[in-house]
């Protein structure tokens, strides 16, 4: 029974790693600059 659980855990970890490799990396600096610019634009329109 323990062997089955370990095998399933390894399969799940493998699937998660495979999915994670498909996701493009996020550019946190660019997102922060865009969010800051949006906040400045909304403050100017008030």
Protein backbone atom coordinates (compact mmCIF):
# COMPACT_ATOMS: atom_id res chain seq x y z
CA UNK A 1 0.00 0.00 0.00
CA UNK A 2 2.81 2.42 0.82
CA UNK A 3 4.43 1.70 -2.53
CA UNK A 4 1.25 2.72 -4.36
CA UNK A 5 1.08 6.01 -2.43
CA UNK A 6 4.74 6.79 -3.18
CA UNK A 7 4.27 6.03 -6.87
CA UNK A 8 1.20 8.28 -7.05
CA UNK A 9 3.07 11.09 -5.29
CA UNK A 10 5.94 10.82 -7.77
CA UNK A 11 3.48 10.91 -10.69
CA UNK A 12 1.69 13.95 -9.30
CA UNK A 13 4.97 15.79 -8.68
CA UNK A 14 6.07 14.98 -12.22
CA UNK A 15 2.81 16.34 -13.66
CA UNK A 16 3.06 19.53 -11.60
CA UNK A 17 6.64 20.12 -12.72
CA UNK A 18 5.61 19.55 -16.34
CA UNK A 19 2.76 22.06 -16.02
CA UNK A 20 5.03 24.57 -14.28
CA UNK A 21 7.54 24.41 -17.15
CA UNK A 22 4.79 25.31 -19.65
CA UNK A 23 3.87 28.55 -17.85
CA UNK A 24 5.83 31.54 -19.11
CA UNK A 25 7.85 33.34 -16.42
CA UNK A 26 6.31 36.52 -15.03
CA UNK A 27 8.10 39.85 -15.21
CA UNK A 28 7.31 41.29 -11.79
CA UNK A 29 9.09 44.59 -12.47
CA UNK A 30 7.06 45.23 -15.62
CA UNK A 31 3.82 44.35 -13.79
CA UNK A 32 4.70 46.70 -10.93
CA UNK A 33 5.46 49.56 -13.35
CA UNK A 34 2.18 48.97 -15.19
CA UNK A 35 0.18 48.87 -11.94
CA UNK A 36 1.85 52.07 -10.73
CA UNK A 37 1.11 53.80 -14.03
CA UNK A 38 -2.55 52.72 -13.85
CA UNK A 39 -2.87 54.10 -10.32
CA UNK A 40 -1.30 57.40 -11.39
CA UNK A 41 -3.68 57.63 -14.37
CA UNK A 42 -6.73 57.06 -12.18
CA UNK A 43 -5.57 59.70 -9.68
CA UNK A 44 -5.07 62.24 -12.47
CA UNK A 45 -8.58 61.74 -13.87
CA UNK A 46 -10.25 62.49 -10.52
